[in-house]
Protein backbone atom coordinates (compact mmCIF):
# COMPACT_ATOMS: atom_id res chain seq x y z
CA MET A 1 0.00 0.00 0.00
CA ALA A 2 1.20 3.46 -0.86
CA GLU A 3 1.56 6.18 1.71
CA ILE A 4 -0.51 9.18 0.58
CA LEU A 5 0.50 12.65 1.81
CA PHE A 6 -1.74 15.68 1.36
CA PHE A 7 0.11 19.02 1.51
CA HIS A 8 -2.19 22.02 1.93
CA LEU A 9 -0.39 25.14 0.67
CA GLN A 10 -1.27 28.35 2.45
CA SER A 11 1.68 30.64 3.06
CA ARG A 12 4.06 29.50 0.32
CA PRO A 13 3.58 28.56 -3.33
CA LEU A 14 4.43 25.24 -4.96
CA GLU A 15 7.75 26.57 -6.26
CA GLN A 16 8.95 27.22 -2.71
CA VAL A 17 7.98 23.84 -1.22
CA LEU A 18 8.64 21.46 -4.11
CA PRO A 19 12.47 21.57 -3.95
CA THR A 20 12.48 20.52 -0.29
CA ILE A 21 10.13 17.60 -0.95
CA LEU A 22 12.24 16.50 -3.92
CA ASP A 23 15.51 16.83 -1.95
CA ARG A 24 14.11 14.56 0.76
CA ALA A 25 13.00 11.92 -1.74
CA LEU A 26 16.41 11.93 -3.42
CA ALA A 27 18.12 11.65 -0.01
CA ARG A 28 16.07 8.46 0.55
CA GLY A 29 17.28 7.13 -2.82
CA GLN A 30 13.87 7.43 -4.44
CA LYS A 31 13.05 8.45 -7.99
CA VAL A 32 10.24 10.97 -8.40
CA VAL A 33 7.74 11.87 -11.09
CA VAL A 34 6.07 15.29 -10.74
CA GLU A 35 2.82 15.72 -12.63
CA VAL A 36 1.47 19.20 -13.36
CA SER A 37 -1.56 20.26 -15.37
CA SER A 38 -0.17 22.09 -18.40
CA GLN A 39 2.80 22.65 -20.69
CA GLU A 40 3.18 26.14 -19.26
CA ARG A 41 3.37 24.89 -15.66
CA MET A 42 5.75 22.12 -16.69
CA SER A 43 8.08 24.74 -18.16
CA VAL A 44 7.83 26.91 -15.04
CA VAL A 45 8.61 23.98 -12.72
CA ASP A 46 11.42 22.77 -14.99
CA ASP A 47 13.09 26.22 -15.02
CA HIS A 48 12.60 26.69 -11.30
CA LEU A 49 14.25 23.40 -10.34
CA TRP A 50 17.44 24.51 -12.12
CA THR A 51 17.53 27.95 -10.49
CA TYR A 52 15.74 27.78 -7.11
CA ALA A 53 19.00 28.24 -5.16
CA ASP A 54 22.35 29.72 -6.16
CA GLU A 55 24.29 26.86 -4.56
CA SER A 56 22.10 23.97 -5.64
CA PHE A 57 19.89 22.45 -8.33
CA LEU A 58 17.81 19.31 -8.62
CA PRO A 59 18.80 16.86 -11.38
CA HIS A 60 15.72 16.46 -13.52
CA VAL A 61 14.25 16.47 -17.02
CA THR A 62 10.82 16.83 -18.52
CA ALA A 63 9.06 13.75 -19.85
CA MET A 64 9.55 15.08 -23.39
CA GLU A 65 13.30 14.43 -23.23
CA ALA A 66 14.68 11.19 -24.63
CA ASP A 67 16.61 10.26 -21.47
CA ALA A 68 13.68 10.69 -19.05
CA ALA A 69 13.84 7.02 -18.00
CA LYS A 70 17.39 7.50 -16.69
CA ASN A 71 16.72 10.56 -14.54
CA PRO A 72 15.88 10.70 -10.82
CA ILE A 73 13.21 13.40 -11.29
CA VAL A 74 10.87 13.74 -14.25
CA VAL A 75 8.36 16.55 -14.66
CA THR A 76 5.36 15.57 -16.78
CA MET A 77 1.80 16.46 -17.74
CA GLN A 78 0.72 12.85 -18.14
CA ALA A 79 -0.35 10.06 -15.79
CA HIS A 80 2.59 7.84 -16.74
CA ASN A 81 5.71 6.83 -14.81
CA PRO A 82 8.55 7.38 -17.31
CA ASN A 83 11.43 6.81 -14.84
CA ALA A 84 9.91 3.98 -12.76
CA ALA A 85 9.59 6.40 -9.83
CA GLN A 86 8.70 5.26 -6.32
CA VAL A 87 7.24 8.70 -5.51
CA ARG A 88 4.55 10.52 -7.47
CA ILE A 89 3.88 14.20 -6.80
CA CYS A 90 0.56 15.54 -8.03
CA ALA A 91 0.51 19.33 -8.14
CA ASP A 92 -1.21 22.24 -9.79
CA GLY A 93 -4.68 20.69 -9.83
CA VAL A 94 -3.61 17.14 -10.72
CA ARG A 95 -5.57 14.45 -8.88
CA ILE A 96 -4.08 11.39 -7.20
CA PRO A 97 -3.65 8.46 -9.59
CA ASP A 98 -5.91 5.46 -9.76
CA ALA A 99 -2.81 3.24 -9.74
CA MET A 100 -1.56 4.36 -6.32
CA GLN A 101 -0.22 0.86 -5.65
CA ASP A 102 2.48 1.54 -8.27
CA TYR A 103 4.19 3.93 -5.83
CA GLU A 104 5.63 3.82 -2.32
CA ARG A 105 4.43 7.37 -1.76
CA VAL A 106 1.97 9.69 -3.49
CA VAL A 107 2.09 13.38 -2.60
CA LEU A 108 -0.80 15.69 -3.44
CA ILE A 109 0.13 19.37 -3.17
CA PHE A 110 -2.87 21.67 -3.39
CA ASP A 111 -3.60 25.39 -3.06
CA GLY A 112 -5.54 26.09 0.12
CA ASP A 113 -6.84 29.38 -1.32
CA ASP A 114 -8.52 27.67 -4.28
CA PRO A 115 -12.02 26.33 -3.44
CA GLU A 116 -11.94 23.89 -6.38
CA ALA A 117 -8.57 22.52 -5.28
CA LEU A 118 -9.85 22.08 -1.72
CA SER A 119 -12.92 20.22 -2.95
CA ALA A 120 -10.83 17.96 -5.19
CA ALA A 121 -8.40 17.25 -2.33
CA ARG A 122 -11.30 16.24 -0.08
CA GLU A 123 -12.53 13.83 -2.75
CA ASP A 124 -9.03 12.42 -3.15
CA TRP A 125 -8.72 12.06 0.65
CA LYS A 126 -11.90 9.96 0.69
CA LYS A 127 -10.66 7.90 -2.25
CA ALA A 128 -7.30 7.22 -0.57
CA ARG A 129 -8.89 6.25 2.74
CA ALA A 130 -11.53 4.05 1.07
CA SER A 131 -8.76 2.25 -0.82
CA GLY A 132 -7.06 1.35 2.46
CA HIS A 133 -3.97 3.51 1.93
CA ALA A 134 -2.27 5.26 4.83
CA ALA A 135 -3.10 8.92 4.34
CA SER A 136 -1.85 11.95 6.24
CA TYR A 137 -2.80 15.61 5.95
CA TRP A 138 -0.23 18.38 6.40
CA GLN A 139 -0.95 22.11 6.55
CA GLN A 140 1.44 25.06 6.55
CA ASP A 141 1.56 27.38 9.53
CA GLU A 142 2.21 31.13 9.20
CA ALA A 143 5.97 30.54 9.08
CA GLY A 144 5.60 27.98 6.29
CA ARG A 145 6.39 24.93 8.47
CA TRP A 146 4.36 21.78 7.97
CA GLU A 147 2.07 20.63 10.76
CA LYS A 148 0.41 17.22 10.66
CA LYS A 149 -3.34 17.72 11.07
CA ALA A 150 -4.64 14.22 10.35
């Protein structure tokens, strides 16, 4: 069974929290696929992962590149797993996958200021729980730290 983590963004945008989540997965030796909802968002995330810190970058490619299968992080707009990742991150309005059992961990990052995103996350929470997966819900405090709420 996959572990499903719900990250409720409030004080910081996706671009500020995604590098930390990816760094932690890489430190555990896990490959990651990050699914976003559009070509534009894929380009934004791709650019950001190269430049988010002066002293660091995250090794990654987009799914459109020929060597995607060999990379530890792949950013995509599709529901596939091009690099045989153990971790799937669903962001920018993307819903959790039906094939959650294909992953050790599924992370849903959603915008707490978007009523549609909140509603979709609630539906996905019910789906994860009904499927018997271990699910946890994390919310940012005012300082941007994650607090486990459920």
